[in-house]
């Protein structure tokens, strides 16, 4: 998946210069994508976009579905897995019948087939916010590109580990997206994308 670093989440947010650089470059390029190729004619409106603007928000879980193609929204079942959150239970039968230890799908695009819809995803990395990390490797596919398997066992030496990419990834709307991981043990896990999302459909984000 290109160059990356694993570090503490609290450290990354406060003083990690590589993360700030990644986010700045991602923001500039994502805005260029939006205004030049994807939503021409719309201006950037930040967190409070106007009528002819696109907005910015955090990355909502319902942009994605689980291994069983169930969207991670408020209808996600069973609710103890995570109600409109990234919390999922991984076993040899859940979310789908894939043996543990083995490769399990962590996130996929919530659209059909497995696409991100209505959003531009600016992906800087992943936070592993569970007390125990069940995954030893991760692998993502964006569009037609299969990225290299990344070993993340080093993350077990951190309290709140995050994987930060040196350059980050921009995922346009209607683009195929999957994140899989080698699941070593069963249990609950939160794998949270770090970055932001741009959108033009305000009804998806803003409550009137």
N, C-alpha and C. Protein backbone atom coordinates (compact mmCIF):
# COMPACT_ATOMS: atom_id res chain seq x y z
N UNK A 1 0.83 -1.21 0.00
CA UNK A 1 0.00 0.00 0.00
C UNK A 1 0.86 1.25 0.00
N UNK A 2 2.10 1.14 -0.48
CA UNK A 2 2.97 2.30 -0.47
C UNK A 2 3.64 2.46 0.88
N UNK A 3 4.36 3.54 1.05
CA UNK A 3 5.04 3.79 2.31
C UNK A 3 4.04 4.14 3.40
N UNK A 4 4.29 3.64 4.61
CA UNK A 4 3.38 3.88 5.72
C UNK A 4 4.19 3.85 7.01
N UNK A 5 3.55 4.31 8.09
CA UNK A 5 4.16 4.26 9.41
C UNK A 5 3.07 3.91 10.41
N UNK A 6 3.43 3.20 11.47
CA UNK A 6 2.51 2.89 12.56
C UNK A 6 2.91 3.73 13.77
N UNK A 7 1.91 4.34 14.41
CA UNK A 7 2.23 5.18 15.55
C UNK A 7 1.02 5.25 16.47
N UNK A 8 1.16 5.99 17.59
CA UNK A 8 0.06 6.18 18.53
C UNK A 8 -0.91 7.23 17.99
N UNK A 9 -2.19 6.96 18.12
CA UNK A 9 -3.20 7.87 17.61
C UNK A 9 -3.10 9.25 18.24
N UNK A 10 -2.90 9.32 19.56
CA UNK A 10 -2.83 10.61 20.23
C UNK A 10 -1.63 11.42 19.76
N UNK A 11 -0.52 10.74 19.50
CA UNK A 11 0.68 11.41 19.03
C UNK A 11 0.49 11.93 17.62
N UNK A 12 -0.18 11.12 16.79
CA UNK A 12 -0.42 11.50 15.40
C UNK A 12 -1.25 12.78 15.34
N UNK A 13 -2.31 12.84 16.13
CA UNK A 13 -3.21 13.99 16.07
C UNK A 13 -2.54 15.26 16.55
N UNK A 14 -1.63 15.16 17.49
CA UNK A 14 -1.05 16.34 18.11
C UNK A 14 0.18 16.88 17.38
N UNK A 15 1.17 16.01 17.13
CA UNK A 15 2.46 16.53 16.68
C UNK A 15 3.09 15.78 15.51
N UNK A 16 2.42 14.79 14.98
CA UNK A 16 3.05 13.97 13.94
C UNK A 16 3.09 14.72 12.61
N UNK A 17 4.24 15.24 12.16
CA UNK A 17 4.27 16.10 10.97
C UNK A 17 3.90 15.37 9.69
N UNK A 18 4.25 14.08 9.60
CA UNK A 18 3.93 13.33 8.38
C UNK A 18 2.43 13.27 8.15
N UNK A 19 1.65 13.11 9.26
CA UNK A 19 0.20 13.05 9.11
C UNK A 19 -0.34 14.40 8.63
N UNK A 20 0.16 15.48 9.18
CA UNK A 20 -0.30 16.81 8.77
C UNK A 20 0.00 17.04 7.29
N UNK A 21 1.17 16.58 6.85
CA UNK A 21 1.54 16.72 5.44
C UNK A 21 0.62 15.89 4.55
N UNK A 22 0.39 14.62 4.96
CA UNK A 22 -0.50 13.75 4.20
C UNK A 22 -1.88 14.38 4.05
N UNK A 23 -2.42 14.90 5.15
CA UNK A 23 -3.75 15.50 5.12
C UNK A 23 -3.79 16.74 4.24
N UNK A 24 -2.76 17.57 4.29
CA UNK A 24 -2.73 18.77 3.48
C UNK A 24 -2.70 18.44 1.99
N UNK A 25 -1.86 17.45 1.62
CA UNK A 25 -1.78 17.04 0.22
C UNK A 25 -3.09 16.41 -0.23
N UNK A 26 -3.66 15.55 0.62
CA UNK A 26 -4.94 14.92 0.28
C UNK A 26 -6.03 15.95 0.06
N UNK A 27 -6.08 16.95 0.94
CA UNK A 27 -7.12 17.98 0.82
C UNK A 27 -6.99 18.74 -0.49
N UNK A 28 -5.78 19.16 -0.82
CA UNK A 28 -5.58 19.90 -2.06
C UNK A 28 -5.97 19.08 -3.29
N UNK A 29 -5.54 17.82 -3.32
CA UNK A 29 -5.80 16.98 -4.49
C UNK A 29 -7.27 16.56 -4.56
N UNK A 30 -7.90 16.30 -3.40
CA UNK A 30 -9.31 15.92 -3.40
C UNK A 30 -10.18 17.08 -3.88
N UNK A 31 -9.86 18.30 -3.47
CA UNK A 31 -10.59 19.48 -3.93
C UNK A 31 -10.42 19.67 -5.44
N UNK A 32 -9.19 19.45 -5.91
CA UNK A 32 -8.94 19.55 -7.36
C UNK A 32 -9.76 18.52 -8.12
N UNK A 33 -9.80 17.28 -7.60
CA UNK A 33 -10.62 16.24 -8.22
C UNK A 33 -12.08 16.67 -8.29
N UNK A 34 -12.59 17.19 -7.15
CA UNK A 34 -14.00 17.55 -7.05
C UNK A 34 -14.36 18.65 -8.04
N UNK A 35 -13.58 19.71 -8.07
CA UNK A 35 -13.95 20.89 -8.84
C UNK A 35 -13.58 20.77 -10.31
N UNK A 36 -12.64 19.91 -10.64
CA UNK A 36 -12.20 19.78 -12.03
C UNK A 36 -12.88 18.62 -12.75
N UNK A 37 -13.02 17.49 -12.06
CA UNK A 37 -13.47 16.27 -12.74
C UNK A 37 -14.83 15.75 -12.28
N UNK A 38 -15.14 15.87 -11.01
CA UNK A 38 -16.28 15.13 -10.46
C UNK A 38 -17.52 16.01 -10.30
N UNK A 39 -17.36 17.18 -9.67
CA UNK A 39 -18.49 18.09 -9.50
C UNK A 39 -18.14 19.47 -10.03
N UNK A 40 -17.85 19.59 -11.33
CA UNK A 40 -17.49 20.90 -11.88
C UNK A 40 -18.63 21.90 -11.70
N UNK A 41 -18.26 23.11 -11.38
CA UNK A 41 -19.27 24.15 -11.15
C UNK A 41 -19.61 24.35 -9.70
N UNK A 42 -19.20 23.41 -8.84
CA UNK A 42 -19.45 23.55 -7.41
C UNK A 42 -18.18 24.03 -6.71
N UNK A 43 -18.36 24.91 -5.74
CA UNK A 43 -17.25 25.40 -4.94
C UNK A 43 -17.19 24.65 -3.61
N UNK A 44 -16.04 24.73 -2.96
CA UNK A 44 -15.85 24.09 -1.66
C UNK A 44 -16.54 24.89 -0.56
N UNK A 45 -17.37 24.21 0.25
CA UNK A 45 -18.10 24.88 1.32
C UNK A 45 -17.74 24.41 2.72
N UNK A 46 -16.72 23.56 2.84
CA UNK A 46 -16.30 23.09 4.15
C UNK A 46 -17.39 22.32 4.88
N UNK A 47 -17.51 22.57 6.19
CA UNK A 47 -18.49 21.83 7.00
C UNK A 47 -19.89 22.43 6.93
N UNK A 48 -20.04 23.59 6.29
CA UNK A 48 -21.36 24.22 6.16
C UNK A 48 -21.56 24.67 4.71
N UNK A 49 -21.69 23.72 3.77
CA UNK A 49 -21.79 24.09 2.35
C UNK A 49 -23.10 24.79 2.03
N UNK A 50 -23.02 25.72 1.07
CA UNK A 50 -24.21 26.41 0.60
C UNK A 50 -24.84 25.70 -0.58
N UNK A 51 -25.71 26.42 -1.31
CA UNK A 51 -26.51 25.81 -2.36
C UNK A 51 -25.67 25.26 -3.51
N UNK A 52 -24.66 25.98 -3.94
CA UNK A 52 -23.84 25.55 -5.06
C UNK A 52 -22.44 25.15 -4.61
N UNK A 53 -22.39 24.44 -3.50
CA UNK A 53 -21.11 24.03 -2.94
C UNK A 53 -21.15 22.55 -2.55
N UNK A 54 -19.98 21.93 -2.49
CA UNK A 54 -19.86 20.59 -1.93
C UNK A 54 -19.24 20.73 -0.54
N UNK A 55 -19.48 19.72 0.32
CA UNK A 55 -19.07 19.82 1.70
C UNK A 55 -18.00 18.81 2.08
N UNK A 56 -17.56 18.95 3.31
CA UNK A 56 -16.56 18.05 3.88
C UNK A 56 -17.06 17.52 5.21
N UNK A 57 -16.77 16.26 5.50
CA UNK A 57 -17.18 15.66 6.78
C UNK A 57 -16.19 14.56 7.15
N UNK A 58 -16.36 14.01 8.34
CA UNK A 58 -15.60 12.84 8.72
C UNK A 58 -16.07 11.65 7.87
N UNK A 59 -15.42 10.52 8.00
CA UNK A 59 -15.77 9.36 7.18
C UNK A 59 -16.83 8.54 7.90
N UNK A 60 -18.09 8.58 7.46
CA UNK A 60 -19.16 7.86 8.16
C UNK A 60 -19.10 6.36 7.89
N UNK A 61 -19.43 5.54 8.88
CA UNK A 61 -19.36 4.08 8.68
C UNK A 61 -20.30 3.59 7.60
N UNK A 62 -21.43 4.28 7.40
CA UNK A 62 -22.38 3.77 6.40
C UNK A 62 -21.94 4.03 4.96
N UNK A 63 -20.73 4.55 4.77
CA UNK A 63 -20.13 4.51 3.43
C UNK A 63 -19.72 3.09 3.07
N UNK A 64 -19.68 2.20 4.09
CA UNK A 64 -19.13 0.86 3.92
C UNK A 64 -20.13 -0.21 4.34
N UNK A 65 -19.85 -1.43 3.91
CA UNK A 65 -20.60 -2.61 4.32
C UNK A 65 -19.64 -3.62 4.91
N UNK A 66 -20.19 -4.62 5.63
CA UNK A 66 -19.35 -5.65 6.22
C UNK A 66 -19.16 -6.81 5.25
N UNK A 67 -18.57 -7.87 5.74
CA UNK A 67 -18.25 -9.04 4.93
C UNK A 67 -19.49 -9.72 4.35
N UNK A 68 -20.64 -9.48 5.01
CA UNK A 68 -21.89 -10.08 4.56
C UNK A 68 -22.71 -9.10 3.72
N UNK A 69 -22.07 -8.01 3.28
CA UNK A 69 -22.71 -6.97 2.47
C UNK A 69 -23.78 -6.19 3.23
N UNK A 70 -23.75 -6.22 4.57
CA UNK A 70 -24.67 -5.42 5.37
C UNK A 70 -24.03 -4.07 5.65
N UNK A 71 -24.73 -3.00 5.31
CA UNK A 71 -24.20 -1.65 5.48
C UNK A 71 -24.05 -1.33 6.96
N UNK A 72 -22.97 -0.64 7.30
CA UNK A 72 -22.69 -0.30 8.70
C UNK A 72 -23.47 0.95 9.11
N UNK A 73 -24.79 0.86 9.03
CA UNK A 73 -25.65 1.99 9.39
C UNK A 73 -26.49 1.64 10.61
N UNK A 74 -27.53 2.41 10.88
CA UNK A 74 -28.34 2.17 12.07
C UNK A 74 -29.22 0.93 11.94
N UNK A 75 -29.22 0.31 10.75
CA UNK A 75 -29.94 -0.95 10.57
C UNK A 75 -29.00 -2.16 10.68
N UNK A 76 -27.73 -1.92 10.93
CA UNK A 76 -26.76 -3.01 10.97
C UNK A 76 -27.15 -4.02 12.05
N UNK A 77 -27.14 -5.28 11.69
CA UNK A 77 -27.64 -6.32 12.58
C UNK A 77 -26.58 -7.41 12.74
N UNK A 78 -26.44 -7.97 13.95
CA UNK A 78 -27.10 -7.56 15.19
C UNK A 78 -26.52 -6.26 15.75
N UNK A 79 -27.34 -5.50 16.47
CA UNK A 79 -26.95 -4.16 16.89
C UNK A 79 -25.75 -4.17 17.83
N UNK A 80 -25.53 -5.26 18.57
CA UNK A 80 -24.38 -5.27 19.47
C UNK A 80 -23.05 -5.30 18.72
N UNK A 81 -23.10 -5.58 17.41
CA UNK A 81 -21.88 -5.51 16.62
C UNK A 81 -21.39 -4.08 16.53
N UNK A 82 -22.29 -3.17 16.37
CA UNK A 82 -21.97 -1.78 16.13
C UNK A 82 -23.14 -1.12 15.45
N UNK A 83 -23.78 -0.19 16.15
CA UNK A 83 -24.98 0.47 15.64
C UNK A 83 -24.52 1.78 15.02
N UNK A 84 -24.47 1.81 13.68
CA UNK A 84 -23.95 2.96 12.96
C UNK A 84 -22.52 3.28 13.42
N UNK A 85 -21.69 2.23 13.49
CA UNK A 85 -20.29 2.39 13.91
C UNK A 85 -19.45 1.34 13.19
N UNK A 86 -18.15 1.40 13.43
CA UNK A 86 -17.21 0.46 12.79
C UNK A 86 -17.03 -0.82 13.57
N UNK A 87 -17.70 -0.99 14.69
CA UNK A 87 -17.52 -2.18 15.53
C UNK A 87 -18.13 -3.41 14.86
N UNK A 88 -17.33 -4.45 14.69
CA UNK A 88 -17.80 -5.69 14.09
C UNK A 88 -17.28 -6.88 14.88
N UNK A 89 -18.03 -7.98 14.80
CA UNK A 89 -17.62 -9.24 15.42
C UNK A 89 -17.11 -10.17 14.33
N UNK A 90 -15.90 -10.68 14.51
CA UNK A 90 -15.29 -11.58 13.53
C UNK A 90 -15.14 -12.97 14.13
N UNK A 91 -15.83 -13.95 13.51
CA UNK A 91 -15.69 -15.36 13.87
C UNK A 91 -15.61 -16.16 12.57
N UNK A 92 -15.52 -17.47 12.67
CA UNK A 92 -15.48 -18.30 11.47
C UNK A 92 -16.81 -18.35 10.74
N UNK A 93 -17.87 -17.85 11.37
CA UNK A 93 -19.17 -17.83 10.70
C UNK A 93 -19.72 -16.42 10.51
N UNK A 94 -19.10 -15.40 11.14
CA UNK A 94 -19.61 -14.04 11.09
C UNK A 94 -18.48 -13.07 10.72
N UNK A 95 -18.82 -11.98 10.00
CA UNK A 95 -20.10 -11.69 9.36
C UNK A 95 -20.50 -12.70 8.28
N UNK A 96 -19.52 -13.38 7.67
CA UNK A 96 -19.81 -14.43 6.70
C UNK A 96 -18.99 -15.66 7.05
N UNK A 97 -19.31 -16.77 6.40
CA UNK A 97 -18.65 -18.04 6.71
C UNK A 97 -17.26 -18.09 6.08
N UNK A 98 -16.29 -17.51 6.78
CA UNK A 98 -14.89 -17.53 6.37
C UNK A 98 -14.07 -17.90 7.60
N UNK A 99 -13.29 -18.95 7.49
CA UNK A 99 -12.60 -19.53 8.63
C UNK A 99 -11.58 -18.58 9.25
N UNK A 100 -11.55 -18.56 10.57
CA UNK A 100 -10.52 -17.86 11.35
C UNK A 100 -9.64 -18.93 12.00
N UNK A 101 -8.30 -18.85 11.91
CA UNK A 101 -7.51 -17.84 11.23
C UNK A 101 -7.71 -17.88 9.71
N UNK A 102 -7.73 -16.70 9.12
CA UNK A 102 -7.90 -16.58 7.68
C UNK A 102 -8.21 -15.15 7.29
N UNK A 103 -8.31 -14.91 5.99
CA UNK A 103 -8.58 -13.57 5.48
C UNK A 103 -10.06 -13.24 5.60
N UNK A 104 -10.35 -12.14 6.26
CA UNK A 104 -11.72 -11.67 6.45
C UNK A 104 -11.85 -10.28 5.83
N UNK A 105 -13.00 -10.02 5.24
CA UNK A 105 -13.24 -8.68 4.71
C UNK A 105 -13.61 -7.75 5.86
N UNK A 106 -12.91 -6.62 5.97
CA UNK A 106 -13.17 -5.67 7.05
C UNK A 106 -14.18 -4.63 6.59
N UNK A 107 -13.92 -4.02 5.45
CA UNK A 107 -14.81 -2.99 4.89
C UNK A 107 -14.90 -3.19 3.39
N UNK A 108 -16.06 -2.86 2.84
CA UNK A 108 -16.22 -2.79 1.41
C UNK A 108 -17.15 -1.62 1.10
N UNK A 109 -17.09 -1.11 -0.11
CA UNK A 109 -18.00 -0.05 -0.48
C UNK A 109 -19.44 -0.49 -0.32
N UNK A 110 -20.28 0.41 0.19
CA UNK A 110 -21.68 0.05 0.46
C UNK A 110 -22.54 0.02 -0.78
N UNK A 111 -22.02 0.49 -1.91
CA UNK A 111 -22.78 0.47 -3.15
C UNK A 111 -22.71 -0.88 -3.83
N UNK A 112 -23.22 -0.92 -5.06
CA UNK A 112 -23.25 -2.17 -5.81
C UNK A 112 -22.50 -1.97 -7.12
N UNK A 113 -21.49 -2.82 -7.41
CA UNK A 113 -20.95 -3.83 -6.50
C UNK A 113 -19.75 -3.28 -5.70
N UNK A 114 -19.89 -3.19 -4.43
CA UNK A 114 -18.81 -2.83 -3.49
C UNK A 114 -18.15 -1.50 -3.84
N UNK A 115 -18.97 -0.52 -4.21
CA UNK A 115 -18.45 0.78 -4.59
C UNK A 115 -18.79 1.82 -3.53
N UNK A 116 -17.99 2.87 -3.49
CA UNK A 116 -18.29 4.03 -2.66
C UNK A 116 -19.16 4.98 -3.48
N UNK A 117 -20.32 5.33 -2.98
CA UNK A 117 -21.26 6.15 -3.73
C UNK A 117 -21.42 7.52 -3.10
N UNK A 118 -21.54 8.56 -3.95
CA UNK A 118 -21.90 9.92 -3.53
C UNK A 118 -20.81 10.64 -2.77
N UNK A 119 -19.66 10.02 -2.54
CA UNK A 119 -18.59 10.64 -1.77
C UNK A 119 -17.26 10.53 -2.50
N UNK A 120 -16.37 11.48 -2.22
CA UNK A 120 -14.96 11.33 -2.52
C UNK A 120 -14.28 10.99 -1.20
N UNK A 121 -13.65 9.84 -1.12
CA UNK A 121 -12.97 9.42 0.09
C UNK A 121 -11.51 9.85 0.03
N UNK A 122 -11.07 10.61 1.02
CA UNK A 122 -9.67 10.98 1.16
C UNK A 122 -9.12 10.18 2.33
N UNK A 123 -8.39 9.12 2.02
CA UNK A 123 -7.99 8.12 3.01
C UNK A 123 -6.54 8.31 3.40
N UNK A 124 -6.31 8.65 4.67
CA UNK A 124 -4.95 8.86 5.16
C UNK A 124 -4.39 7.65 5.89
N UNK A 125 -5.27 6.74 6.34
CA UNK A 125 -4.80 5.57 7.08
C UNK A 125 -5.94 4.90 7.82
N UNK A 126 -5.59 4.06 8.80
CA UNK A 126 -6.59 3.34 9.59
C UNK A 126 -6.19 3.36 11.06
N UNK A 127 -7.18 3.57 11.92
CA UNK A 127 -6.97 3.47 13.37
C UNK A 127 -7.54 2.15 13.85
N UNK A 128 -6.80 1.47 14.72
CA UNK A 128 -7.25 0.22 15.33
C UNK A 128 -7.58 0.54 16.79
N UNK A 129 -8.85 0.85 17.03
CA UNK A 129 -9.24 1.42 18.32
C UNK A 129 -9.76 0.41 19.32
N UNK A 130 -9.68 -0.88 19.00
CA UNK A 130 -10.09 -1.91 19.95
C UNK A 130 -8.94 -2.22 20.91
N UNK A 131 -9.28 -2.76 22.08
CA UNK A 131 -8.26 -3.09 23.07
C UNK A 131 -7.31 -4.15 22.56
N UNK A 132 -7.84 -5.12 21.80
CA UNK A 132 -7.03 -6.19 21.22
C UNK A 132 -7.10 -6.10 19.71
N UNK A 133 -5.98 -6.25 19.04
CA UNK A 133 -5.96 -6.23 17.58
C UNK A 133 -6.00 -7.67 17.07
N UNK A 134 -7.07 -7.99 16.34
CA UNK A 134 -7.25 -9.36 15.85
C UNK A 134 -6.53 -9.61 14.53
N UNK A 135 -6.15 -8.54 13.83
CA UNK A 135 -5.58 -8.68 12.49
C UNK A 135 -4.06 -8.52 12.51
N UNK A 136 -3.40 -9.33 11.69
CA UNK A 136 -1.94 -9.24 11.58
C UNK A 136 -1.50 -8.63 10.25
N UNK A 137 -2.38 -8.61 9.27
CA UNK A 137 -2.07 -8.05 7.95
C UNK A 137 -3.32 -7.39 7.39
N UNK A 138 -3.13 -6.38 6.55
CA UNK A 138 -4.26 -5.77 5.84
C UNK A 138 -3.92 -5.66 4.37
N UNK A 139 -4.97 -5.59 3.57
CA UNK A 139 -4.81 -5.52 2.11
C UNK A 139 -6.00 -4.77 1.56
N UNK A 140 -5.76 -3.77 0.71
CA UNK A 140 -6.88 -3.03 0.15
C UNK A 140 -6.85 -3.03 -1.37
N UNK A 141 -8.05 -2.93 -1.95
CA UNK A 141 -8.23 -2.83 -3.39
C UNK A 141 -9.03 -1.57 -3.67
N UNK A 142 -8.52 -0.73 -4.56
CA UNK A 142 -9.22 0.49 -4.96
C UNK A 142 -9.32 0.48 -6.48
N UNK A 143 -10.55 0.46 -6.99
CA UNK A 143 -10.73 0.38 -8.43
C UNK A 143 -10.13 -0.91 -8.96
N UNK A 144 -9.26 -0.78 -9.95
CA UNK A 144 -8.62 -1.95 -10.56
C UNK A 144 -7.27 -2.27 -9.93
N UNK A 145 -6.91 -1.57 -8.86
CA UNK A 145 -5.58 -1.73 -8.28
C UNK A 145 -5.62 -2.54 -6.99
N UNK A 146 -4.89 -3.65 -6.97
CA UNK A 146 -4.69 -4.44 -5.76
C UNK A 146 -3.37 -4.00 -5.13
N UNK A 147 -3.44 -3.45 -3.93
CA UNK A 147 -2.23 -2.98 -3.27
C UNK A 147 -1.57 -4.11 -2.49
N UNK A 148 -0.31 -3.94 -2.17
CA UNK A 148 0.46 -4.98 -1.50
C UNK A 148 -0.09 -5.27 -0.11
N UNK A 149 0.02 -6.51 0.32
CA UNK A 149 -0.33 -6.89 1.69
C UNK A 149 0.63 -6.17 2.65
N UNK A 150 0.07 -5.59 3.71
CA UNK A 150 0.86 -4.85 4.68
C UNK A 150 0.80 -5.55 6.02
N UNK A 151 1.95 -5.94 6.56
CA UNK A 151 2.02 -6.58 7.87
C UNK A 151 1.93 -5.50 8.95
N UNK A 152 0.99 -5.68 9.89
CA UNK A 152 0.77 -4.66 10.92
C UNK A 152 0.98 -5.22 12.33
N UNK A 153 1.71 -6.31 12.47
CA UNK A 153 1.90 -6.90 13.79
C UNK A 153 2.63 -5.95 14.74
N UNK A 154 3.39 -5.02 14.19
CA UNK A 154 4.04 -4.01 15.03
C UNK A 154 3.02 -3.21 15.84
N UNK A 155 1.77 -3.12 15.33
CA UNK A 155 0.75 -2.34 16.00
C UNK A 155 0.46 -2.84 17.41
N UNK A 156 0.76 -4.10 17.68
CA UNK A 156 0.51 -4.66 19.01
C UNK A 156 1.39 -4.03 20.09
N UNK A 157 2.43 -3.31 19.69
CA UNK A 157 3.30 -2.67 20.67
C UNK A 157 2.82 -1.27 21.04
N UNK A 158 1.69 -0.84 20.47
CA UNK A 158 1.14 0.48 20.76
C UNK A 158 -0.18 0.35 21.51
N UNK A 159 -0.54 1.40 22.25
CA UNK A 159 -1.81 1.39 22.99
C UNK A 159 -2.99 1.71 22.07
N UNK A 160 -2.85 2.73 21.23
CA UNK A 160 -3.89 3.13 20.29
C UNK A 160 -3.25 3.28 18.90
N UNK A 161 -2.98 2.16 18.23
CA UNK A 161 -2.20 2.23 17.00
C UNK A 161 -2.99 2.76 15.80
N UNK A 162 -2.28 3.47 14.96
CA UNK A 162 -2.80 3.91 13.67
C UNK A 162 -1.76 3.61 12.60
N UNK A 163 -2.26 3.24 11.43
CA UNK A 163 -1.42 3.08 10.25
C UNK A 163 -1.64 4.32 9.38
N UNK A 164 -0.58 5.08 9.13
CA UNK A 164 -0.68 6.30 8.34
C UNK A 164 0.10 6.12 7.05
N UNK A 165 -0.54 6.41 5.91
CA UNK A 165 0.11 6.31 4.61
C UNK A 165 0.88 7.60 4.31
N UNK A 166 1.99 7.44 3.64
CA UNK A 166 2.81 8.61 3.33
C UNK A 166 2.09 9.56 2.38
N UNK A 167 1.39 9.01 1.40
CA UNK A 167 0.73 9.85 0.40
C UNK A 167 -0.79 9.83 0.52
N UNK A 168 -1.36 8.79 1.09
CA UNK A 168 -2.81 8.70 1.17
C UNK A 168 -3.42 8.28 -0.16
N UNK A 169 -4.74 8.09 -0.14
CA UNK A 169 -5.46 7.64 -1.33
C UNK A 169 -6.72 8.48 -1.51
N UNK A 170 -7.03 8.80 -2.76
CA UNK A 170 -8.28 9.48 -3.10
C UNK A 170 -9.14 8.49 -3.87
N UNK A 171 -10.35 8.26 -3.36
CA UNK A 171 -11.26 7.29 -3.96
C UNK A 171 -12.49 8.03 -4.48
N UNK A 172 -12.65 8.16 -5.80
CA UNK A 172 -13.79 8.89 -6.36
C UNK A 172 -15.10 8.14 -6.16
N UNK A 173 -16.25 8.81 -6.34
CA UNK A 173 -17.54 8.12 -6.28
C UNK A 173 -17.61 7.00 -7.31
N UNK A 174 -18.43 6.01 -7.01
CA UNK A 174 -18.69 4.86 -7.89
C UNK A 174 -17.43 4.03 -8.12
N UNK A 175 -16.52 4.02 -7.17
CA UNK A 175 -15.26 3.27 -7.31
C UNK A 175 -15.26 2.06 -6.38
N UNK A 176 -14.83 0.94 -6.92
CA UNK A 176 -14.73 -0.31 -6.14
C UNK A 176 -13.73 -0.13 -5.01
N UNK A 177 -14.12 -0.61 -3.81
CA UNK A 177 -13.23 -0.48 -2.65
C UNK A 177 -13.43 -1.65 -1.70
N UNK A 178 -12.34 -2.30 -1.31
CA UNK A 178 -12.40 -3.32 -0.26
C UNK A 178 -11.15 -3.22 0.61
N UNK A 179 -11.34 -3.51 1.89
CA UNK A 179 -10.23 -3.66 2.83
C UNK A 179 -10.38 -5.01 3.49
N UNK A 180 -9.39 -5.89 3.34
CA UNK A 180 -9.42 -7.19 3.98
C UNK A 180 -8.27 -7.28 4.98
N UNK A 181 -8.39 -8.23 5.89
CA UNK A 181 -7.34 -8.42 6.88
C UNK A 181 -7.19 -9.89 7.22
N UNK A 182 -5.97 -10.28 7.59
CA UNK A 182 -5.77 -11.65 8.05
C UNK A 182 -6.13 -11.68 9.53
N UNK A 183 -7.24 -12.36 9.84
CA UNK A 183 -7.78 -12.41 11.20
C UNK A 183 -7.17 -13.60 11.93
N UNK A 184 -6.41 -13.31 12.96
CA UNK A 184 -5.68 -14.35 13.68
C UNK A 184 -6.54 -15.01 14.75
N UNK A 185 -7.38 -14.19 15.42
CA UNK A 185 -8.25 -14.70 16.49
C UNK A 185 -9.63 -14.06 16.34
N UNK A 186 -10.64 -14.70 16.91
CA UNK A 186 -12.00 -14.17 16.84
C UNK A 186 -12.19 -13.07 17.88
N UNK A 187 -13.23 -12.27 17.66
CA UNK A 187 -13.56 -11.23 18.62
C UNK A 187 -14.03 -9.96 17.95
N UNK A 188 -14.41 -8.98 18.79
CA UNK A 188 -14.84 -7.67 18.28
C UNK A 188 -13.63 -6.85 17.85
N UNK A 189 -13.86 -6.01 16.86
CA UNK A 189 -12.78 -5.18 16.35
C UNK A 189 -13.36 -3.92 15.72
N UNK A 190 -12.65 -2.78 15.93
CA UNK A 190 -12.96 -1.54 15.22
C UNK A 190 -11.75 -1.17 14.38
N UNK A 191 -11.96 -1.08 13.08
CA UNK A 191 -10.94 -0.57 12.16
C UNK A 191 -11.54 0.69 11.53
N UNK A 192 -11.01 1.85 11.91
CA UNK A 192 -11.64 3.13 11.57
C UNK A 192 -10.78 3.87 10.54
N UNK A 193 -11.34 4.16 9.35
CA UNK A 193 -10.56 4.94 8.38
C UNK A 193 -10.26 6.33 8.91
N UNK A 194 -9.03 6.80 8.67
CA UNK A 194 -8.64 8.16 9.04
C UNK A 194 -8.55 9.02 7.78
N UNK A 195 -9.05 10.23 7.87
CA UNK A 195 -9.07 11.13 6.73
C UNK A 195 -10.35 11.92 6.74
N UNK A 196 -10.95 12.10 5.57
CA UNK A 196 -12.20 12.84 5.48
C UNK A 196 -12.93 12.46 4.20
N UNK A 197 -14.16 12.91 4.08
CA UNK A 197 -14.97 12.65 2.89
C UNK A 197 -15.54 13.96 2.38
N UNK A 198 -15.60 14.09 1.06
CA UNK A 198 -16.27 15.23 0.42
C UNK A 198 -17.59 14.74 -0.16
N UNK A 199 -18.61 15.59 -0.14
CA UNK A 199 -19.94 15.17 -0.60
C UNK A 199 -20.66 16.35 -1.24
N UNK A 200 -21.63 16.03 -2.09
CA UNK A 200 -22.47 17.09 -2.66
C UNK A 200 -23.93 16.92 -2.27
N UNK A 201 -24.32 15.71 -1.87
CA UNK A 201 -25.72 15.48 -1.46
C UNK A 201 -25.86 15.80 0.02
N UNK A 202 -26.36 16.98 0.31
CA UNK A 202 -26.42 17.45 1.69
C UNK A 202 -27.42 16.65 2.51
N UNK A 203 -28.43 16.01 1.86
CA UNK A 203 -29.41 15.23 2.60
C UNK A 203 -28.77 14.01 3.27
N UNK A 204 -27.59 13.58 2.78
CA UNK A 204 -26.91 12.44 3.37
C UNK A 204 -26.20 12.79 4.69
N UNK A 205 -25.88 14.07 4.85
CA UNK A 205 -25.03 14.49 5.95
C UNK A 205 -25.71 15.48 6.89
N UNK A 206 -26.40 16.47 6.34
CA UNK A 206 -26.92 17.58 7.14
C UNK A 206 -28.38 17.31 7.52
N UNK A 207 -28.68 17.37 8.80
CA UNK A 207 -30.04 17.20 9.30
C UNK A 207 -30.72 18.54 9.32
N UNK A 208 -31.81 18.65 8.53
CA UNK A 208 -32.54 19.92 8.45
C UNK A 208 -33.47 20.07 9.66
